[in-house]
Amino acid sequence: KALAKARKLKCPVIVAKLDRLSRDVAFISGLMSQKVR
């Protein structure tokens, strides 16, 4: 939902620390392909 909202507003998503997204590099890589900063 956060990604969808950010795409709609053409704005970034912010997290406090990288591990709040994930500790898995493959998952992080997949998120980077979502065209959301």
PDB file of all heavy atoms in Angstrom:
ATOM      1  N   LYS A   1       0.830  -1.213   0.000  1.00  0.00           N
ATOM      2  CA  LYS A   1       0.000   0.000   0.000  1.00  0.00           C
ATOM      3  C   LYS A   1       0.863   1.262   0.000  1.00  0.00           C
ATOM      4  O   LYS A   1       0.541   2.253  -0.669  1.00  0.00           O
ATOM      5  CB  LYS A   1      -0.933   0.002   1.208  1.00  0.00           C
ATOM      6  CG  LYS A   1      -2.038  -1.037   1.148  1.00  0.00           C
ATOM      7  CD  LYS A   1      -2.908  -0.980   2.395  1.00  0.00           C
ATOM      8  CE  LYS A   1      -4.004  -2.041   2.356  1.00  0.00           C
ATOM      9  NZ  LYS A   1      -4.839  -2.013   3.586  1.00  0.00           N
ATOM     10  N   ALA A   2       1.966   1.216   0.760  1.00  0.00           N
ATOM     11  CA  ALA A   2       2.874   2.369   0.793  1.00  0.00           C
ATOM     12  C   ALA A   2       3.471   2.615  -0.584  1.00  0.00           C
ATOM     13  O   ALA A   2       3.586   3.767  -1.032  1.00  0.00           O
ATOM     14  CB  ALA A   2       3.979   2.133   1.826  1.00  0.00           C
ATOM     15  N   LEU A   3       3.855   1.542  -1.280  1.00  0.00           N
ATOM     16  CA  LEU A   3       4.398   1.678  -2.627  1.00  0.00           C
ATOM     17  C   LEU A   3       3.360   2.262  -3.589  1.00  0.00           C
ATOM     18  O   LEU A   3       3.677   3.144  -4.398  1.00  0.00           O
ATOM     19  CB  LEU A   3       4.864   0.308  -3.133  1.00  0.00           C
ATOM     20  CG  LEU A   3       6.126  -0.263  -2.500  1.00  0.00           C
ATOM     21  CD1 LEU A   3       6.288  -1.729  -2.874  1.00  0.00           C
ATOM     22  CD2 LEU A   3       7.347   0.524  -2.934  1.00  0.00           C
ATOM     23  N   ALA A   4       2.126   1.772  -3.486  1.00  0.00           N
ATOM     24  CA  ALA A   4       1.064   2.269  -4.367  1.00  0.00           C
ATOM     25  C   ALA A   4       0.804   3.755  -4.124  1.00  0.00           C
ATOM     26  O   ALA A   4       0.633   4.528  -5.073  1.00  0.00           O
ATOM     27  CB  ALA A   4      -0.214   1.452  -4.141  1.00  0.00           C
ATOM     28  N   LYS A   5       0.777   4.140  -2.855  1.00  0.00           N
ATOM     29  CA  LYS A   5       0.551   5.553  -2.516  1.00  0.00           C
ATOM     30  C   LYS A   5       1.687   6.417  -3.056  1.00  0.00           C
ATOM     31  O   LYS A   5       1.449   7.501  -3.613  1.00  0.00           O
ATOM     32  CB  LYS A   5       0.468   5.699  -0.997  1.00  0.00           C
ATOM     33  CG  LYS A   5       0.117   7.098  -0.514  1.00  0.00           C
ATOM     34  CD  LYS A   5      -1.344   7.408  -0.757  1.00  0.00           C
ATOM     35  CE  LYS A   5      -1.752   8.728  -0.119  1.00  0.00           C
ATOM     36  NZ  LYS A   5      -3.197   8.987  -0.244  1.00  0.00           N
ATOM     37  N   ALA A   6       2.912   5.950  -2.883  1.00  0.00           N
ATOM     38  CA  ALA A   6       4.071   6.719  -3.340  1.00  0.00           C
ATOM     39  C   ALA A   6       4.078   6.851  -4.861  1.00  0.00           C
ATOM     40  O   ALA A   6       4.426   7.906  -5.407  1.00  0.00           O
ATOM     41  CB  ALA A   6       5.351   6.065  -2.843  1.00  0.00           C
ATOM     42  N   ARG A   7       3.708   5.767  -5.561  1.00  0.00           N
ATOM     43  CA  ARG A   7       3.652   5.842  -7.027  1.00  0.00           C
ATOM     44  C   ARG A   7       2.607   6.847  -7.479  1.00  0.00           C
ATOM     45  O   ARG A   7       2.817   7.614  -8.428  1.00  0.00           O
ATOM     46  CB  ARG A   7       3.348   4.456  -7.612  1.00  0.00           C
ATOM     47  CG  ARG A   7       4.581   3.599  -7.814  1.00  0.00           C
ATOM     48  CD  ARG A   7       4.271   2.399  -8.703  1.00  0.00           C
ATOM     49  NE  ARG A   7       3.359   1.485  -8.039  1.00  0.00           N
ATOM     50  CZ  ARG A   7       3.739   0.443  -7.306  1.00  0.00           C
ATOM     51  NH1 ARG A   7       5.032   0.201  -7.134  1.00  0.00           N
ATOM     52  NH2 ARG A   7       2.854  -0.345  -6.738  1.00  0.00           N
ATOM     53  N   LYS A   8       1.470   6.845  -6.791  1.00  0.00           N
ATOM     54  CA  LYS A   8       0.393   7.770  -7.151  1.00  0.00           C
ATOM     55  C   LYS A   8       0.822   9.218  -6.961  1.00  0.00           C
ATOM     56  O   LYS A   8       0.529  10.084  -7.795  1.00  0.00           O
ATOM     57  CB  LYS A   8      -0.845   7.469  -6.299  1.00  0.00           C
ATOM     58  CG  LYS A   8      -2.034   8.364  -6.605  1.00  0.00           C
ATOM     59  CD  LYS A   8      -3.241   7.982  -5.740  1.00  0.00           C
ATOM     60  CE  LYS A   8      -4.435   8.880  -6.035  1.00  0.00           C
ATOM     61  NZ  LYS A   8      -5.605   8.516  -5.197  1.00  0.00           N
ATOM     62  N   LEU A   9       1.531   9.492  -5.865  1.00  0.00           N
ATOM     63  CA  LEU A   9       1.963  10.859  -5.566  1.00  0.00           C
ATOM     64  C   LEU A   9       3.323  11.195  -6.176  1.00  0.00           C
ATOM     65  O   LEU A   9       3.776  12.333  -6.082  1.00  0.00           O
ATOM     66  CB  LEU A   9       2.035  11.053  -4.047  1.00  0.00           C
ATOM     67  CG  LEU A   9       0.721  10.902  -3.274  1.00  0.00           C
ATOM     68  CD1 LEU A   9       0.963  11.058  -1.777  1.00  0.00           C
ATOM     69  CD2 LEU A   9      -0.311  11.921  -3.752  1.00  0.00           C
ATOM     70  N   LYS A  10       3.988  10.176  -6.746  1.00  0.00           N
ATOM     71  CA  LYS A  10       5.333  10.348  -7.313  1.00  0.00           C
ATOM     72  C   LYS A  10       6.291  10.902  -6.260  1.00  0.00           C
ATOM     73  O   LYS A  10       7.011  11.878  -6.470  1.00  0.00           O
ATOM     74  CB  LYS A  10       5.293  11.264  -8.532  1.00  0.00           C
ATOM     75  CG  LYS A  10       4.476  10.691  -9.677  1.00  0.00           C
ATOM     76  CD  LYS A  10       4.469  11.616 -10.885  1.00  0.00           C
ATOM     77  CE  LYS A  10       3.644  10.990 -12.019  1.00  0.00           C
ATOM     78  NZ  LYS A  10       3.624  11.872 -13.225  1.00  0.00           N
ATOM     79  N   CYS A  11       6.271  10.228  -5.099  1.00  0.00           N
ATOM     80  CA  CYS A  11       7.097  10.668  -3.981  1.00  0.00           C
ATOM     81  C   CYS A  11       7.823   9.478  -3.370  1.00  0.00           C
ATOM     82  O   CYS A  11       7.513   8.328  -3.690  1.00  0.00           O
ATOM     83  CB  CYS A  11       6.238  11.376  -2.929  1.00  0.00           C
ATOM     84  SG  CYS A  11       5.169  10.262  -1.976  1.00  0.00           S
ATOM     85  N   PRO A  12       8.794   9.719  -2.485  1.00  0.00           N
ATOM     86  CA  PRO A  12       9.544   8.611  -1.882  1.00  0.00           C
ATOM     87  C   PRO A  12       8.791   7.936  -0.740  1.00  0.00           C
ATOM     88  O   PRO A  12       7.824   8.471  -0.199  1.00  0.00           O
ATOM     89  CB  PRO A  12      10.824   9.287  -1.359  1.00  0.00           C
ATOM     90  CG  PRO A  12      10.735  10.730  -1.701  1.00  0.00           C
ATOM     91  CD  PRO A  12       9.354  11.015  -2.106  1.00  0.00           C
ATOM     92  N   VAL A  13       9.293   6.747  -0.385  1.00  0.00           N
ATOM     93  CA  VAL A  13       8.902   6.056   0.842  1.00  0.00           C
ATOM     94  C   VAL A  13      10.090   6.121   1.785  1.00  0.00           C
ATOM     95  O   VAL A  13      11.223   5.861   1.381  1.00  0.00           O
ATOM     96  CB  VAL A  13       8.531   4.585   0.571  1.00  0.00           C
ATOM     97  CG1 VAL A  13       8.303   3.833   1.887  1.00  0.00           C
ATOM     98  CG2 VAL A  13       7.296   4.493  -0.305  1.00  0.00           C
ATOM     99  N   ILE A  14       9.843   6.467   3.033  1.00  0.00           N
ATOM    100  CA  ILE A  14      10.935   6.562   4.008  1.00  0.00           C
ATOM    101  C   ILE A  14      10.777   5.516   5.100  1.00  0.00           C
ATOM    102  O   ILE A  14       9.661   5.233   5.557  1.00  0.00           O
ATOM    103  CB  ILE A  14      11.016   7.975   4.634  1.00  0.00           C
ATOM    104  CG1 ILE A  14      12.243   8.081   5.556  1.00  0.00           C
ATOM    105  CG2 ILE A  14       9.745   8.342   5.374  1.00  0.00           C
ATOM    106  CD1 ILE A  14      12.532   9.488   6.043  1.00  0.00           C
ATOM    107  N   VAL A  15      11.906   4.922   5.494  1.00  0.00           N
ATOM    108  CA  VAL A  15      11.964   4.008   6.639  1.00  0.00           C
ATOM    109  C   VAL A  15      13.061   4.508   7.572  1.00  0.00           C
ATOM    110  O   VAL A  15      13.966   5.236   7.152  1.00  0.00           O
ATOM    111  CB  VAL A  15      12.255   2.563   6.203  1.00  0.00           C
ATOM    112  CG1 VAL A  15      11.099   1.995   5.416  1.00  0.00           C
ATOM    113  CG2 VAL A  15      13.553   2.476   5.414  1.00  0.00           C
ATOM    114  N   ALA A  16      12.980   4.110   8.825  1.00  0.00           N
ATOM    115  CA  ALA A  16      13.982   4.561   9.789  1.00  0.00           C
ATOM    116  C   ALA A  16      15.327   3.891   9.551  1.00  0.00           C
ATOM    117  O   ALA A  16      16.373   4.546   9.559  1.00  0.00           O
ATOM    118  CB  ALA A  16      13.508   4.294  11.221  1.00  0.00           C
ATOM    119  N   LYS A  17      15.307   2.576   9.330  1.00  0.00           N
ATOM    120  CA  LYS A  17      16.524   1.797   9.085  1.00  0.00           C
ATOM    121  C   LYS A  17      16.271   0.827   7.942  1.00  0.00           C
ATOM    122  O   LYS A  17      15.132   0.439   7.685  1.00  0.00           O
ATOM    123  CB  LYS A  17      16.937   1.022  10.344  1.00  0.00           C
ATOM    124  CG  LYS A  17      17.446   1.900  11.490  1.00  0.00           C
ATOM    125  CD  LYS A  17      17.854   1.051  12.682  1.00  0.00           C
ATOM    126  CE  LYS A  17      18.469   1.890  13.790  1.00  0.00           C
ATOM    127  NZ  LYS A  17      19.780   2.463  13.400  1.00  0.00           N
ATOM    128  N   LEU A  18      17.358   0.431   7.275  1.00  0.00           N
ATOM    129  CA  LEU A  18      17.215  -0.447   6.120  1.00  0.00           C
ATOM    130  C   LEU A  18      16.578  -1.774   6.496  1.00  0.00           C
ATOM    131  O   LEU A  18      15.805  -2.349   5.726  1.00  0.00           O
ATOM    132  CB  LEU A  18      18.590  -0.683   5.478  1.00  0.00           C
ATOM    133  CG  LEU A  18      18.590  -1.452   4.158  1.00  0.00           C
ATOM    134  CD1 LEU A  18      17.757  -0.726   3.110  1.00  0.00           C
ATOM    135  CD2 LEU A  18      20.015  -1.649   3.653  1.00  0.00           C
ATOM    136  N   ASP A  19      16.857  -2.289   7.702  1.00  0.00           N
ATOM    137  CA  ASP A  19      16.298  -3.590   8.081  1.00  0.00           C
ATOM    138  C   ASP A  19      14.793  -3.536   8.317  1.00  0.00           C
ATOM    139  O   ASP A  19      14.153  -4.565   8.470  1.00  0.00           O
ATOM    140  CB  ASP A  19      17.018  -4.178   9.296  1.00  0.00           C
ATOM    141  CG  ASP A  19      16.831  -3.364  10.568  1.00  0.00           C
ATOM    142  OD1 ASP A  19      16.083  -2.362  10.553  1.00  0.00           O
ATOM    143  OD2 ASP A  19      17.441  -3.727  11.585  1.00  0.00           O
ATOM    144  N   ARG A  20      14.210  -2.328   8.371  1.00  0.00           N
ATOM    145  CA  ARG A  20      12.754  -2.245   8.458  1.00  0.00           C
ATOM    146  C   ARG A  20      12.107  -2.615   7.129  1.00  0.00           C
ATOM    147  O   ARG A  20      10.934  -2.975   7.091  1.00  0.00           O
ATOM    148  CB  ARG A  20      12.311  -0.840   8.897  1.00  0.00           C
ATOM    149  CG  ARG A  20      12.707  -0.466  10.311  1.00  0.00           C
ATOM    150  CD  ARG A  20      12.221  -1.472  11.341  1.00  0.00           C
ATOM    151  NE  ARG A  20      13.111  -2.624  11.481  1.00  0.00           N
ATOM    152  CZ  ARG A  20      12.762  -3.789  11.988  1.00  0.00           C
ATOM    153  NH1 ARG A  20      11.525  -3.986  12.399  1.00  0.00           N
ATOM    154  NH2 ARG A  20      13.623  -4.781  12.092  1.00  0.00           N
ATOM    155  N   LEU A  21      12.878  -2.508   6.040  1.00  0.00           N
ATOM    156  CA  LEU A  21      12.407  -3.040   4.766  1.00  0.00           C
ATOM    157  C   LEU A  21      12.666  -4.533   4.721  1.00  0.00           C
ATOM    158  O   LEU A  21      11.766  -5.328   4.498  1.00  0.00           O
ATOM    159  CB  LEU A  21      13.135  -2.350   3.606  1.00  0.00           C
ATOM    160  CG  LEU A  21      12.730  -0.908   3.301  1.00  0.00           C
ATOM    161  CD1 LEU A  21      13.593  -0.357   2.186  1.00  0.00           C
ATOM    162  CD2 LEU A  21      11.261  -0.810   2.924  1.00  0.00           C
ATOM    163  N   SER A  22      13.926  -4.899   4.940  1.00  0.00           N
ATOM    164  CA  SER A  22      14.293  -6.304   4.928  1.00  0.00           C
ATOM    165  C   SER A  22      15.755  -6.449   5.300  1.00  0.00           C
ATOM    166  O   SER A  22      16.524  -5.491   5.242  1.00  0.00           O
ATOM    167  CB  SER A  22      14.055  -6.899   3.532  1.00  0.00           C
ATOM    168  OG  SER A  22      14.488  -8.238   3.482  1.00  0.00           O
ATOM    169  N   ARG A  23      16.137  -7.674   5.676  1.00  0.00           N
ATOM    170  CA  ARG A  23      17.544  -8.021   5.853  1.00  0.00           C
ATOM    171  C   ARG A  23      18.030  -8.901   4.706  1.00  0.00           C
ATOM    172  O   ARG A  23      19.131  -9.432   4.759  1.00  0.00           O
ATOM    173  CB  ARG A  23      17.747  -8.749   7.193  1.00  0.00           C
ATOM    174  CG  ARG A  23      17.516  -7.878   8.414  1.00  0.00           C
ATOM    175  CD  ARG A  23      17.873  -8.635   9.681  1.00  0.00           C
ATOM    176  NE  ARG A  23      17.824  -7.793  10.861  1.00  0.00           N
ATOM    177  CZ  ARG A  23      16.755  -7.643  11.621  1.00  0.00           C
ATOM    178  NH1 ARG A  23      15.643  -8.271  11.304  1.00  0.00           N
ATOM    179  NH2 ARG A  23      16.791  -6.876  12.690  1.00  0.00           N
ATOM    180  N   ASP A  24      17.223  -9.043   3.671  1.00  0.00           N
ATOM    181  CA  ASP A  24      17.541  -9.908   2.550  1.00  0.00           C
ATOM    182  C   ASP A  24      17.846  -9.054   1.320  1.00  0.00           C
ATOM    183  O   ASP A  24      17.016  -8.251   0.877  1.00  0.00           O
ATOM    184  CB  ASP A  24      16.363 -10.839   2.263  1.00  0.00           C
ATOM    185  CG  ASP A  24      16.648 -11.788   1.116  1.00  0.00           C
ATOM    186  OD1 ASP A  24      17.347 -12.786   1.340  1.00  0.00           O
ATOM    187  OD2 ASP A  24      16.183 -11.512  -0.004  1.00  0.00           O
ATOM    188  N   VAL A  25      19.050  -9.231   0.758  1.00  0.00           N
ATOM    189  CA  VAL A  25      19.480  -8.375  -0.342  1.00  0.00           C
ATOM    190  C   VAL A  25      18.620  -8.581  -1.586  1.00  0.00           C
ATOM    191  O   VAL A  25      18.366  -7.632  -2.341  1.00  0.00           O
ATOM    192  CB  VAL A  25      20.978  -8.604  -0.655  1.00  0.00           C
ATOM    193  CG1 VAL A  25      21.221  -9.987  -1.225  1.00  0.00           C
ATOM    194  CG2 VAL A  25      21.504  -7.530  -1.596  1.00  0.00           C
ATOM    195  N   ALA A  26      18.146  -9.805  -1.819  1.00  0.00           N
ATOM    196  CA  ALA A  26      17.308 -10.068  -2.989  1.00  0.00           C
ATOM    197  C   ALA A  26      15.977  -9.321  -2.882  1.00  0.00           C
ATOM    198  O   ALA A  26      15.474  -8.777  -3.870  1.00  0.00           O
ATOM    199  CB  ALA A  26      17.066 -11.566  -3.147  1.00  0.00           C
ATOM    200  N   PHE A  27      15.413  -9.288  -1.675  1.00  0.00           N
ATOM    201  CA  PHE A  27      14.161  -8.568  -1.467  1.00  0.00           C
ATOM    202  C   PHE A  27      14.369  -7.066  -1.660  1.00  0.00           C
ATOM    203  O   PHE A  27      13.548  -6.394  -2.302  1.00  0.00           O
ATOM    204  CB  PHE A  27      13.629  -8.848  -0.061  1.00  0.00           C
ATOM    205  CG  PHE A  27      12.268  -8.258   0.199  1.00  0.00           C
ATOM    206  CD1 PHE A  27      11.141  -8.769  -0.415  1.00  0.00           C
ATOM    207  CD2 PHE A  27      12.111  -7.185   1.055  1.00  0.00           C
ATOM    208  CE1 PHE A  27       9.881  -8.231  -0.172  1.00  0.00           C
ATOM    209  CE2 PHE A  27      10.867  -6.640   1.306  1.00  0.00           C
ATOM    210  CZ  PHE A  27       9.739  -7.168   0.686  1.00  0.00           C
ATOM    211  N   ILE A  28      15.474  -6.548  -1.116  1.00  0.00           N
ATOM    212  CA  ILE A  28      15.801  -5.125  -1.303  1.00  0.00           C
ATOM    213  C   ILE A  28      15.944  -4.808  -2.785  1.00  0.00           C
ATOM    214  O   ILE A  28      15.443  -3.796  -3.281  1.00  0.00           O
ATOM    215  CB  ILE A  28      17.102  -4.762  -0.558  1.00  0.00           C
ATOM    216  CG1 ILE A  28      16.925  -4.902   0.959  1.00  0.00           C
ATOM    217  CG2 ILE A  28      17.555  -3.350  -0.907  1.00  0.00           C
ATOM    218  CD1 ILE A  28      15.997  -3.891   1.577  1.00  0.00           C
ATOM    219  N   SER A  29      16.626  -5.689  -3.512  1.00  0.00           N
ATOM    220  CA  SER A  29      16.815  -5.489  -4.942  1.00  0.00           C
ATOM    221  C   SER A  29      15.473  -5.442  -5.671  1.00  0.00           C
ATOM    222  O   SER A  29      15.264  -4.626  -6.567  1.00  0.00           O
ATOM    223  CB  SER A  29      17.690  -6.610  -5.516  1.00  0.00           C
ATOM    224  OG  SER A  29      17.880  -6.446  -6.895  1.00  0.00           O
ATOM    225  N   GLY A  30      14.568  -6.327  -5.267  1.00  0.00           N
ATOM    226  CA  GLY A  30      13.240  -6.322  -5.869  1.00  0.00           C
ATOM    227  C   GLY A  30      12.491  -5.030  -5.603  1.00  0.00           C
ATOM    228  O   GLY A  30      11.801  -4.507  -6.485  1.00  0.00           O
ATOM    229  N   LEU A  31      12.631  -4.494  -4.397  1.00  0.00           N
ATOM    230  CA  LEU A  31      11.960  -3.238  -4.067  1.00  0.00           C
ATOM    231  C   LEU A  31      12.510  -2.085  -4.900  1.00  0.00           C
ATOM    232  O   LEU A  31      11.778  -1.174  -5.292  1.00  0.00           O
ATOM    233  CB  LEU A  31      12.133  -2.926  -2.577  1.00  0.00           C
ATOM    234  CG  LEU A  31      11.372  -3.815  -1.599  1.00  0.00           C
ATOM    235  CD1 LEU A  31      11.678  -3.402  -0.162  1.00  0.00           C
ATOM    236  CD2 LEU A  31       9.875  -3.750  -1.850  1.00  0.00           C
ATOM    237  N   MET A  32      13.822  -2.124  -5.184  1.00  0.00           N
ATOM    238  CA  MET A  32      14.426  -1.048  -5.965  1.00  0.00           C
ATOM    239  C   MET A  32      13.873  -1.018  -7.395  1.00  0.00           C
ATOM    240  O   MET A  32      13.959   0.005  -8.072  1.00  0.00           O
ATOM    241  CB  MET A  32      15.951  -1.219  -6.011  1.00  0.00           C
ATOM    242  CG  MET A  32      16.654  -1.105  -4.670  1.00  0.00           C
ATOM    243  SD  MET A  32      16.428   0.469  -3.813  1.00  0.00           S
ATOM    244  CE  MET A  32      15.301  -0.022  -2.502  1.00  0.00           C
ATOM    245  N   SER A  33      13.297  -2.140  -7.849  1.00  0.00           N
ATOM    246  CA  SER A  33      12.752  -2.204  -9.204  1.00  0.00           C
ATOM    247  C   SER A  33      11.297  -1.726  -9.266  1.00  0.00           C
ATOM    248  O   SER A  33      10.677  -1.764 -10.337  1.00  0.00           O
ATOM    249  CB  SER A  33      12.842  -3.637  -9.738  1.00  0.00           C
ATOM    250  OG  SER A  33      11.962  -4.495  -9.023  1.00  0.00           O
ATOM    251  N   GLN A  34      10.751  -1.299  -8.134  1.00  0.00           N
ATOM    252  CA  GLN A  34       9.358  -0.867  -8.076  1.00  0.00           C
ATOM    253  C   GLN A  34       9.150   0.556  -8.594  1.00  0.00           C
ATOM    254  O   GLN A  34       8.038   1.070  -8.585  1.00  0.00           O
ATOM    255  CB  GLN A  34       8.851  -0.947  -6.626  1.00  0.00           C
ATOM    256  CG  GLN A  34       8.768  -2.360  -6.073  1.00  0.00           C
ATOM    257  CD  GLN A  34       7.630  -3.148  -6.691  1.00  0.00           C
ATOM    258  OE1 GLN A  34       6.572  -2.614  -6.990  1.00  0.00           O
ATOM    259  NE2 GLN A  34       7.858  -4.439  -6.876  1.00  0.00           N
ATOM    260  N   LYS A  35      10.252   1.204  -9.017  1.00  0.00           N
ATOM    261  CA  LYS A  35      10.205   2.576  -9.534  1.00  0.00           C
ATOM    262  C   LYS A  35       9.681   3.565  -8.494  1.00  0.00           C
ATOM    263  O   LYS A  35       9.001   4.538  -8.815  1.00  0.00           O
ATOM    264  CB  LYS A  35       9.375   2.655 -10.813  1.00  0.00           C
ATOM    265  CG  LYS A  35       9.906   1.787 -11.943  1.00  0.00           C
ATOM    266  CD  LYS A  35       9.151   2.015 -13.230  1.00  0.00           C
ATOM    267  CE  LYS A  35       9.633   1.084 -14.322  1.00  0.00           C
ATOM    268  NZ  LYS A  35      11.049   1.225 -14.632  1.00  0.00           N
ATOM    269  N   VAL A  36       9.996   3.259  -7.240  1.00  0.00           N
ATOM    270  CA  VAL A  36       9.689   4.172  -6.136  1.00  0.00           C
ATOM    271  C   VAL A  36      10.988   4.412  -5.384  1.00  0.00           C
ATOM    272  O   VAL A  36      11.720   3.471  -5.075  1.00  0.00           O
ATOM    273  CB  VAL A  36       8.635   3.569  -5.179  1.00  0.00           C
ATOM    274  CG1 VAL A  36       8.488   4.427  -3.923  1.00  0.00           C
ATOM    275  CG2 VAL A  36       7.295   3.436  -5.883  1.00  0.00           C
ATOM    276  N   ARG A  37      11.266   5.666  -5.112  1.00  0.00           N
ATOM    277  CA  ARG A  37      12.501   5.974  -4.396  1.00  0.00           C
ATOM    278  C   ARG A  37      12.330   5.658  -2.911  1.00  0.00           C
ATOM    279  O   ARG A  37      11.311   5.974  -2.311  1.00  0.00           O
ATOM    280  CB  ARG A  37      12.845   7.457  -4.556  1.00  0.00           C
ATOM    281  CG  ARG A  37      14.151   7.840  -3.861  1.00  0.00           C
ATOM    282  CD  ARG A  37      14.360   9.332  -3.860  1.00  0.00           C
ATOM    283  NE  ARG A  37      15.552   9.675  -3.092  1.00  0.00           N
ATOM    284  CZ  ARG A  37      15.774  10.872  -2.563  1.00  0.00           C
ATOM    285  NH1 ARG A  37      14.899  11.839  -2.730  1.00  0.00           N
ATOM    286  NH2 ARG A  37      16.872  11.104  -1.881  1.00  0.00           N
TER     287      ARG A  37
END
